[in-house]
C-alpha cells in the first residue's frame, strides 16, 4: 500500500516537472525565433534565465526519475492475480 502511494506521488511529480520543462523549452524557442534586431536586453536576460531554469529542471528531473524507478521497483505486480469485485 505504501509503495503504491509512493509510486502515485512520484509519477505525479514527474508529470508536473516534465510539463514545466516543455513550457520552458517552448518559451526559449519563441525567444530564439526573433532576429537580433528584434531582441532587447530584457529578451536576452529572459533567455539566460530560462536556460538556467532548464539546467536546474534537468537536475530535478533526473532525481525525480530515479525516485520514480525506485518506487516502481517496490511495487510488486502479479499478472496472474485476478481481482473480483462484487
PDB file of N, CA and C in Angstrom:
ATOM      1  N   UNK A   1       0.819  -1.187   0.000  1.00  0.00           N
ATOM      2  CA  UNK A   1       0.000   0.000   0.000  1.00  0.00           C
ATOM      3  C   UNK A   1       0.867   1.257   0.000  1.00  0.00           C
ATOM      4  N   UNK A   2       1.870   1.255   0.878  1.00  0.00           N
ATOM      5  CA  UNK A   2       2.754   2.419   0.937  1.00  0.00           C
ATOM      6  C   UNK A   2       3.522   2.610  -0.377  1.00  0.00           C
ATOM      7  N   UNK A   3       3.953   1.508  -0.943  1.00  0.00           N
ATOM      8  CA  UNK A   3       4.723   1.576  -2.188  1.00  0.00           C
ATOM      9  C   UNK A   3       3.863   2.126  -3.317  1.00  0.00           C
ATOM     10  N   UNK A   4       2.600   1.723  -3.351  1.00  0.00           N
ATOM     11  CA  UNK A   4       1.698   2.230  -4.390  1.00  0.00           C
ATOM     12  C   UNK A   4       1.468   3.727  -4.221  1.00  0.00           C
ATOM     13  N   UNK A   5       1.327   4.155  -2.971  1.00  0.00           N
ATOM     14  CA  UNK A   5       1.138   5.581  -2.693  1.00  0.00           C
ATOM     15  C   UNK A   5       2.368   6.379  -3.121  1.00  0.00           C
ATOM     16  N   UNK A   6       3.541   5.842  -2.792  1.00  0.00           N
ATOM     17  CA  UNK A   6       4.790   6.496  -3.170  1.00  0.00           C
ATOM     18  C   UNK A   6       4.925   6.567  -4.689  1.00  0.00           C
ATOM     19  N   UNK A   7       4.520   5.504  -5.357  1.00  0.00           N
ATOM     20  CA  UNK A   7       4.570   5.473  -6.819  1.00  0.00           C
ATOM     21  C   UNK A   7       3.645   6.534  -7.412  1.00  0.00           C
ATOM     22  N   UNK A   8       2.439   6.667  -6.850  1.00  0.00           N
ATOM     23  CA  UNK A   8       1.494   7.650  -7.350  1.00  0.00           C
ATOM     24  C   UNK A   8       2.019   9.085  -7.167  1.00  0.00           C
ATOM     25  N   UNK A   9       2.626   9.351  -6.020  1.00  0.00           N
ATOM     26  CA  UNK A   9       3.184  10.676  -5.762  1.00  0.00           C
ATOM     27  C   UNK A   9       4.332  10.966  -6.727  1.00  0.00           C
ATOM     28  N   UNK A  10       5.236  10.016  -6.886  1.00  0.00           N
ATOM     29  CA  UNK A  10       6.394  10.210  -7.770  1.00  0.00           C
ATOM     30  C   UNK A  10       5.966  10.406  -9.221  1.00  0.00           C
ATOM     31  N   UNK A  11       4.984   9.655  -9.661  1.00  0.00           N
ATOM     32  CA  UNK A  11       4.543   9.804 -11.051  1.00  0.00           C
ATOM     33  C   UNK A  11       3.856  11.151 -11.254  1.00  0.00           C
ATOM     34  N   UNK A  12       3.145  11.642 -10.251  1.00  0.00           N
ATOM     35  CA  UNK A  12       2.544  12.966 -10.339  1.00  0.00           C
ATOM     36  C   UNK A  12       3.598  14.058 -10.423  1.00  0.00           C
ATOM     37  N   UNK A  13       4.629  13.925  -9.615  1.00  0.00           N
ATOM     38  CA  UNK A  13       5.735  14.899  -9.655  1.00  0.00           C
ATOM     39  C   UNK A  13       6.428  14.866 -11.014  1.00  0.00           C
ATOM     40  N   UNK A  14       6.627  13.658 -11.530  1.00  0.00           N
ATOM     41  CA  UNK A  14       7.289  13.513 -12.833  1.00  0.00           C
ATOM     42  C   UNK A  14       6.497  14.232 -13.921  1.00  0.00           C
ATOM     43  N   UNK A  15       5.176  14.041 -13.913  1.00  0.00           N
ATOM     44  CA  UNK A  15       4.333  14.682 -14.926  1.00  0.00           C
ATOM     45  C   UNK A  15       4.389  16.203 -14.816  1.00  0.00           C
ATOM     46  N   UNK A  16       4.370  16.717 -13.589  1.00  0.00           N
ATOM     47  CA  UNK A  16       4.404  18.167 -13.389  1.00  0.00           C
ATOM     48  C   UNK A  16       5.721  18.765 -13.855  1.00  0.00           C
ATOM     49  N   UNK A  17       6.834  18.146 -13.475  1.00  0.00           N
ATOM     50  CA  UNK A  17       8.137  18.700 -13.843  1.00  0.00           C
ATOM     51  C   UNK A  17       8.369  18.569 -15.339  1.00  0.00           C
ATOM     52  N   UNK A  18       7.857  17.507 -15.947  1.00  0.00           N
ATOM     53  CA  UNK A  18       8.005  17.337 -17.396  1.00  0.00           C
ATOM     54  C   UNK A  18       7.206  18.406 -18.143  1.00  0.00           C
ATOM     55  N   UNK A  19       6.002  18.694 -17.668  1.00  0.00           N
ATOM     56  CA  UNK A  19       5.178  19.729 -18.287  1.00  0.00           C
ATOM     57  C   UNK A  19       5.851  21.094 -18.161  1.00  0.00           C
ATOM     58  N   UNK A  20       6.393  21.387 -16.993  1.00  0.00           N
ATOM     59  CA  UNK A  20       7.095  22.659 -16.765  1.00  0.00           C
ATOM     60  C   UNK A  20       8.300  22.774 -17.697  1.00  0.00           C
ATOM     61  N   UNK A  21       9.018  21.670 -17.876  1.00  0.00           N
ATOM     62  CA  UNK A  21      10.182  21.658 -18.758  1.00  0.00           C
ATOM     63  C   UNK A  21       9.781  21.926 -20.205  1.00  0.00           C
ATOM     64  N   UNK A  22       8.685  21.341 -20.652  1.00  0.00           N
ATOM     65  CA  UNK A  22       8.210  21.573 -22.020  1.00  0.00           C
ATOM     66  C   UNK A  22       7.796  23.030 -22.221  1.00  0.00           C
ATOM     67  N   UNK A  23       7.153  23.619 -21.206  1.00  0.00           N
ATOM     68  CA  UNK A  23       6.760  25.024 -21.297  1.00  0.00           C
ATOM     69  C   UNK A  23       7.984  25.933 -21.386  1.00  0.00           C
ATOM     70  N   UNK A  24       9.006  25.622 -20.604  1.00  0.00           N
ATOM     71  CA  UNK A  24      10.235  26.423 -20.626  1.00  0.00           C
ATOM     72  C   UNK A  24      10.909  26.324 -21.990  1.00  0.00           C
ATOM     73  N   UNK A  25      10.957  25.125 -22.550  1.00  0.00           N
ATOM     74  CA  UNK A  25      11.548  24.942 -23.881  1.00  0.00           C
ATOM     75  C   UNK A  25      10.774  25.732 -24.939  1.00  0.00           C
ATOM     76  N   UNK A  26       9.468  25.736 -24.812  1.00  0.00           N
ATOM     77  CA  UNK A  26       8.626  26.471 -25.763  1.00  0.00           C
ATOM     78  C   UNK A  26       8.914  27.976 -25.684  1.00  0.00           C
ATOM     79  N   UNK A  27       9.062  28.492 -24.467  1.00  0.00           N
ATOM     80  CA  UNK A  27       9.365  29.921 -24.296  1.00  0.00           C
ATOM     81  C   UNK A  27      10.727  30.264 -24.897  1.00  0.00           C
ATOM     82  N   UNK A  28      11.701  29.384 -24.710  1.00  0.00           N
ATOM     83  CA  UNK A  28      13.037  29.633 -25.281  1.00  0.00           C
ATOM     84  C   UNK A  28      12.961  29.627 -26.800  1.00  0.00           C
ATOM     85  N   UNK A  29      12.218  28.686 -27.368  1.00  0.00           N
ATOM     86  CA  UNK A  29      12.081  28.644 -28.833  1.00  0.00           C
ATOM     87  C   UNK A  29      11.469  29.924 -29.370  1.00  0.00           C
ATOM     88  N   UNK A  30      10.481  30.462 -28.657  1.00  0.00           N
ATOM     89  CA  UNK A  30       9.858  31.711 -29.090  1.00  0.00           C
ATOM     90  C   UNK A  30      10.862  32.855 -29.077  1.00  0.00           C
ATOM     91  N   UNK A  31      11.720  32.878 -28.070  1.00  0.00           N
ATOM     92  CA  UNK A  31      12.729  33.938 -27.998  1.00  0.00           C
ATOM     93  C   UNK A  31      13.792  33.765 -29.083  1.00  0.00           C
ATOM     94  N   UNK A  32      14.120  32.530 -29.414  1.00  0.00           N
ATOM     95  CA  UNK A  32      15.159  32.290 -30.419  1.00  0.00           C
ATOM     96  C   UNK A  32      14.682  32.594 -31.838  1.00  0.00           C
ATOM     97  N   UNK A  33      13.376  32.590 -32.048  1.00  0.00           N
ATOM     98  CA  UNK A  33      12.842  32.896 -33.377  1.00  0.00           C
ATOM     99  C   UNK A  33      13.031  34.358 -33.760  1.00  0.00           C
ATOM    100  N   UNK A  34      13.178  35.206 -32.768  1.00  0.00           N
ATOM    101  CA  UNK A  34      13.334  36.634 -33.052  1.00  0.00           C
ATOM    102  C   UNK A  34      14.717  36.916 -33.627  1.00  0.00           C
ATOM    103  N   UNK A  35      14.737  37.847 -34.542  1.00  0.00           N
ATOM    104  CA  UNK A  35      16.014  38.260 -35.118  1.00  0.00           C
ATOM    105  C   UNK A  35      16.768  39.103 -34.100  1.00  0.00           C
ATOM    106  N   UNK A  36      18.069  39.241 -34.254  1.00  0.00           N
ATOM    107  CA  UNK A  36      18.835  40.067 -33.305  1.00  0.00           C
ATOM    108  C   UNK A  36      18.321  41.516 -33.236  1.00  0.00           C
ATOM    109  N   UNK A  37      17.780  42.009 -34.328  1.00  0.00           N
ATOM    110  CA  UNK A  37      17.260  43.376 -34.316  1.00  0.00           C
ATOM    111  C   UNK A  37      15.993  43.487 -33.469  1.00  0.00           C
ATOM    112  N   UNK A  38      15.271  42.394 -33.337  1.00  0.00           N
ATOM    113  CA  UNK A  38      14.030  42.416 -32.565  1.00  0.00           C
ATOM    114  C   UNK A  38      14.244  42.183 -31.070  1.00  0.00           C
ATOM    115  N   UNK A  39      15.383  41.652 -30.698  1.00  0.00           N
ATOM    116  CA  UNK A  39      15.604  41.344 -29.289  1.00  0.00           C
ATOM    117  C   UNK A  39      16.086  42.569 -28.528  1.00  0.00           C
ATOM    118  N   UNK A  40      15.643  42.665 -27.303  1.00  0.00           N
ATOM    119  CA  UNK A  40      16.069  43.736 -26.415  1.00  0.00           C
ATOM    120  C   UNK A  40      16.905  43.128 -25.297  1.00  0.00           C
ATOM    121  N   UNK A  41      17.395  43.971 -24.441  1.00  0.00           N
ATOM    122  CA  UNK A  41      18.179  43.490 -23.308  1.00  0.00           C
ATOM    123  C   UNK A  41      17.302  42.605 -22.421  1.00  0.00           C
ATOM    124  N   UNK A  42      16.046  42.997 -22.268  1.00  0.00           N
ATOM    125  CA  UNK A  42      15.127  42.209 -21.454  1.00  0.00           C
ATOM    126  C   UNK A  42      14.930  40.813 -22.039  1.00  0.00           C
ATOM    127  N   UNK A  43      14.858  40.717 -23.374  1.00  0.00           N
ATOM    128  CA  UNK A  43      14.719  39.414 -24.025  1.00  0.00           C
ATOM    129  C   UNK A  43      15.946  38.534 -23.761  1.00  0.00           C
ATOM    130  N   UNK A  44      17.118  39.133 -23.867  1.00  0.00           N
ATOM    131  CA  UNK A  44      18.352  38.367 -23.636  1.00  0.00           C
ATOM    132  C   UNK A  44      18.438  37.879 -22.194  1.00  0.00           C
ATOM    133  N   UNK A  45      18.056  38.755 -21.252  1.00  0.00           N
ATOM    134  CA  UNK A  45      18.068  38.359 -19.842  1.00  0.00           C
ATOM    135  C   UNK A  45      17.074  37.239 -19.585  1.00  0.00           C
ATOM    136  N   UNK A  46      15.903  37.347 -20.206  1.00  0.00           N
ATOM    137  CA  UNK A  46      14.887  36.318 -20.040  1.00  0.00           C
ATOM    138  C   UNK A  46      15.375  34.988 -20.604  1.00  0.00           C
ATOM    139  N   UNK A  47      16.052  35.031 -21.750  1.00  0.00           N
ATOM    140  CA  UNK A  47      16.584  33.817 -22.370  1.00  0.00           C
ATOM    141  C   UNK A  47      17.618  33.154 -21.459  1.00  0.00           C
ATOM    142  N   UNK A  48      18.504  33.961 -20.887  1.00  0.00           N
ATOM    143  CA  UNK A  48      19.522  33.422 -19.984  1.00  0.00           C
ATOM    144  C   UNK A  48      18.877  32.792 -18.746  1.00  0.00           C
ATOM    145  N   UNK A  49      17.852  33.451 -18.215  1.00  0.00           N
ATOM    146  CA  UNK A  49      17.148  32.925 -17.049  1.00  0.00           C
ATOM    147  C   UNK A  49      16.458  31.604 -17.392  1.00  0.00           C
ATOM    148  N   UNK A  50      15.825  31.541 -18.553  1.00  0.00           N
ATOM    149  CA  UNK A  50      15.145  30.318 -18.962  1.00  0.00           C
ATOM    150  C   UNK A  50      16.137  29.176 -19.183  1.00  0.00           C
ATOM    151  N   UNK A  51      17.297  29.483 -19.738  1.00  0.00           N
ATOM    152  CA  UNK A  51      18.308  28.451 -19.938  1.00  0.00           C
ATOM    153  C   UNK A  51      18.827  27.928 -18.600  1.00  0.00           C
ATOM    154  N   UNK A  52      18.985  28.832 -17.622  1.00  0.00           N
ATOM    155  CA  UNK A  52      19.399  28.403 -16.283  1.00  0.00           C
ATOM    156  C   UNK A  52      18.310  27.536 -15.653  1.00  0.00           C
ATOM    157  N   UNK A  53      17.052  27.908 -15.886  1.00  0.00           N
ATOM    158  CA  UNK A  53      15.934  27.102 -15.381  1.00  0.00           C
ATOM    159  C   UNK A  53      15.945  25.703 -15.995  1.00  0.00           C
ATOM    160  N   UNK A  54      16.255  25.620 -17.292  1.00  0.00           N
ATOM    161  CA  UNK A  54      16.317  24.312 -17.960  1.00  0.00           C
ATOM    162  C   UNK A  54      17.371  23.418 -17.322  1.00  0.00           C
ATOM    163  N   UNK A  55      18.521  23.986 -17.015  1.00  0.00           N
ATOM    164  CA  UNK A  55      19.593  23.213 -16.388  1.00  0.00           C
ATOM    165  C   UNK A  55      19.137  22.706 -15.016  1.00  0.00           C
ATOM    166  N   UNK A  56      18.524  23.588 -14.237  1.00  0.00           N
ATOM    167  CA  UNK A  56      18.042  23.211 -12.912  1.00  0.00           C
ATOM    168  C   UNK A  56      16.938  22.150 -13.019  1.00  0.00           C
ATOM    169  N   UNK A  57      16.038  22.337 -13.977  1.00  0.00           N
ATOM    170  CA  UNK A  57      14.956  21.371 -14.165  1.00  0.00           C
ATOM    171  C   UNK A  57      15.501  20.012 -14.570  1.00  0.00           C
ATOM    172  N   UNK A  58      16.529  19.981 -15.376  1.00  0.00           N
ATOM    173  CA  UNK A  58      17.123  18.713 -15.800  1.00  0.00           C
ATOM    174  C   UNK A  58      17.661  17.960 -14.583  1.00  0.00           C
ATOM    175  N   UNK A  59      18.315  18.684 -13.668  1.00  0.00           N
ATOM    176  CA  UNK A  59      18.838  18.046 -12.463  1.00  0.00           C
ATOM    177  C   UNK A  59      17.698  17.481 -11.615  1.00  0.00           C
ATOM    178  N   UNK A  60      16.624  18.260 -11.468  1.00  0.00           N
ATOM    179  CA  UNK A  60      15.482  17.815 -10.681  1.00  0.00           C
ATOM    180  C   UNK A  60      14.807  16.626 -11.368  1.00  0.00           C
ATOM    181  N   UNK A  61      14.706  16.670 -12.690  1.00  0.00           N
ATOM    182  CA  UNK A  61      14.083  15.573 -13.431  1.00  0.00           C
ATOM    183  C   UNK A  61      14.862  14.275 -13.238  1.00  0.00           C
ATOM    184  N   UNK A  62      16.181  14.362 -13.232  1.00  0.00           N
ATOM    185  CA  UNK A  62      16.999  13.167 -13.023  1.00  0.00           C
ATOM    186  C   UNK A  62      16.733  12.560 -11.642  1.00  0.00           C
ATOM    187  N   UNK A  63      16.631  13.426 -10.617  1.00  0.00           N
ATOM    188  CA  UNK A  63      16.377  12.939  -9.265  1.00  0.00           C
ATOM    189  C   UNK A  63      14.987  12.323  -9.159  1.00  0.00           C
ATOM    190  N   UNK A  64      14.001  12.999  -9.738  1.00  0.00           N
ATOM    191  CA  UNK A  64      12.621  12.504  -9.668  1.00  0.00           C
ATOM    192  C   UNK A  64      12.499  11.184 -10.430  1.00  0.00           C
ATOM    193  N   UNK A  65      13.179  11.085 -11.563  1.00  0.00           N
ATOM    194  CA  UNK A  65      13.126   9.848 -12.348  1.00  0.00           C
ATOM    195  C   UNK A  65      13.738   8.687 -11.565  1.00  0.00           C
ATOM    196  N   UNK A  66      14.841   8.952 -10.868  1.00  0.00           N
ATOM    197  CA  UNK A  66      15.466   7.901 -10.061  1.00  0.00           C
ATOM    198  C   UNK A  66      14.529   7.455  -8.941  1.00  0.00           C
ATOM    199  N   UNK A  67      13.863   8.410  -8.305  1.00  0.00           N
ATOM    200  CA  UNK A  67      12.922   8.060  -7.244  1.00  0.00           C
ATOM    201  C   UNK A  67      11.730   7.293  -7.798  1.00  0.00           C
ATOM    202  N   UNK A  68      11.279   7.683  -8.988  1.00  0.00           N
ATOM    203  CA  UNK A  68      10.152   7.002  -9.620  1.00  0.00           C
ATOM    204  C   UNK A  68      10.506   5.557  -9.951  1.00  0.00           C
ATOM    205  N   UNK A  69      11.693   5.352 -10.498  1.00  0.00           N
ATOM    206  CA  UNK A  69      12.130   3.990 -10.817  1.00  0.00           C
ATOM    207  C   UNK A  69      12.254   3.142  -9.548  1.00  0.00           C
ATOM    208  N   UNK A  70      12.747   3.764  -8.471  1.00  0.00           N
ATOM    209  CA  UNK A  70      12.857   3.046  -7.204  1.00  0.00           C
ATOM    210  C   UNK A  70      11.469   2.680  -6.687  1.00  0.00           C
ATOM    211  N   UNK A  71      10.531   3.606  -6.773  1.00  0.00           N
ATOM    212  CA  UNK A  71       9.160   3.338  -6.310  1.00  0.00           C
ATOM    213  C   UNK A  71       8.517   2.237  -7.146  1.00  0.00           C
ATOM    214  N   UNK A  72       8.798   2.222  -8.449  1.00  0.00           N
ATOM    215  CA  UNK A  72       8.249   1.173  -9.307  1.00  0.00           C
ATOM    216  C   UNK A  72       8.820  -0.192  -8.937  1.00  0.00           C
ATOM    217  N   UNK A  73      10.062  -0.211  -8.512  1.00  0.00           N
ATOM    218  CA  UNK A  73      10.666  -1.491  -8.138  1.00  0.00           C
ATOM    219  C   UNK A  73      10.097  -2.021  -6.822  1.00  0.00           C
ATOM    220  N   UNK A  74       9.558  -1.136  -5.975  1.00  0.00           N
ATOM    221  CA  UNK A  74       8.985  -1.567  -4.697  1.00  0.00           C
ATOM    222  C   UNK A  74       7.609  -2.207  -4.863  1.00  0.00           C
ATOM    223  N   UNK A  75       6.909  -1.808  -5.921  1.00  0.00           N
ATOM    224  CA  UNK A  75       5.562  -2.337  -6.130  1.00  0.00           C
ATOM    225  C   UNK A  75       5.672  -3.687  -6.825  1.00  0.00           C
ATOM    226  N   UNK A  76       5.009  -4.658  -6.258  1.00  0.00           N
ATOM    227  CA  UNK A  76       5.014  -6.000  -6.841  1.00  0.00           C
ATOM    228  C   UNK A  76       3.754  -6.164  -7.676  1.00  0.00           C
ATOM    229  N   UNK A  77       3.934  -6.340  -8.956  1.00  0.00           N
ATOM    230  CA  UNK A  77       2.810  -6.561  -9.854  1.00  0.00           C
ATOM    231  C   UNK A  77       2.782  -8.030 -10.224  1.00  0.00           C
ATOM    232  N   UNK A  78       1.652  -8.650 -10.046  1.00  0.00           N
ATOM    233  CA  UNK A  78       1.491 -10.042 -10.425  1.00  0.00           C
ATOM    234  C   UNK A  78       0.402 -10.111 -11.486  1.00  0.00           C
ATOM    235  N   UNK A  79       0.779 -10.481 -12.709  1.00  0.00           N
ATOM    236  CA  UNK A  79      -0.157 -10.509 -13.823  1.00  0.00           C
ATOM    237  C   UNK A  79      -1.151 -11.659 -13.717  1.00  0.00           C
ATOM    238  N   UNK A  80      -0.835 -12.644 -12.900  1.00  0.00           N
ATOM    239  CA  UNK A  80      -1.710 -13.817 -12.767  1.00  0.00           C
ATOM    240  C   UNK A  80      -2.878 -13.571 -11.803  1.00  0.00           C
ATOM    241  N   UNK A  81      -2.761 -12.551 -10.970  1.00  0.00           N
ATOM    242  CA  UNK A  81      -3.793 -12.290  -9.982  1.00  0.00           C
ATOM    243  C   UNK A  81      -4.991 -11.626 -10.632  1.00  0.00           C
ATOM    244  N   UNK A  82      -6.160 -12.108 -10.263  1.00  0.00           N
ATOM    245  CA  UNK A  82      -7.408 -11.539 -10.770  1.00  0.00           C
ATOM    246  C   UNK A  82      -8.199 -11.013  -9.574  1.00  0.00           C
ATOM    247  N   UNK A  83      -8.657  -9.787  -9.701  1.00  0.00           N
ATOM    248  CA  UNK A  83      -9.444  -9.186  -8.634  1.00  0.00           C
ATOM    249  C   UNK A  83     -10.906  -9.208  -9.060  1.00  0.00           C
ATOM    250  N   UNK A  84     -11.721  -9.812  -8.224  1.00  0.00           N
ATOM    251  CA  UNK A  84     -13.156  -9.881  -8.500  1.00  0.00           C
ATOM    252  C   UNK A  84     -13.868  -8.914  -7.580  1.00  0.00           C
ATOM    253  N   UNK A  85     -14.672  -8.045  -8.151  1.00  0.00           N
ATOM    254  CA  UNK A  85     -15.426  -7.073  -7.367  1.00  0.00           C
ATOM    255  C   UNK A  85     -16.894  -7.430  -7.471  1.00  0.00           C
ATOM    256  N   UNK A  86     -17.511  -7.622  -6.319  1.00  0.00           N
ATOM    257  CA  UNK A  86     -18.932  -7.980  -6.298  1.00  0.00           C
ATOM    258  C   UNK A  86     -19.761  -6.806  -5.853  1.00  0.00           C
TER     259      UNK A  86
END
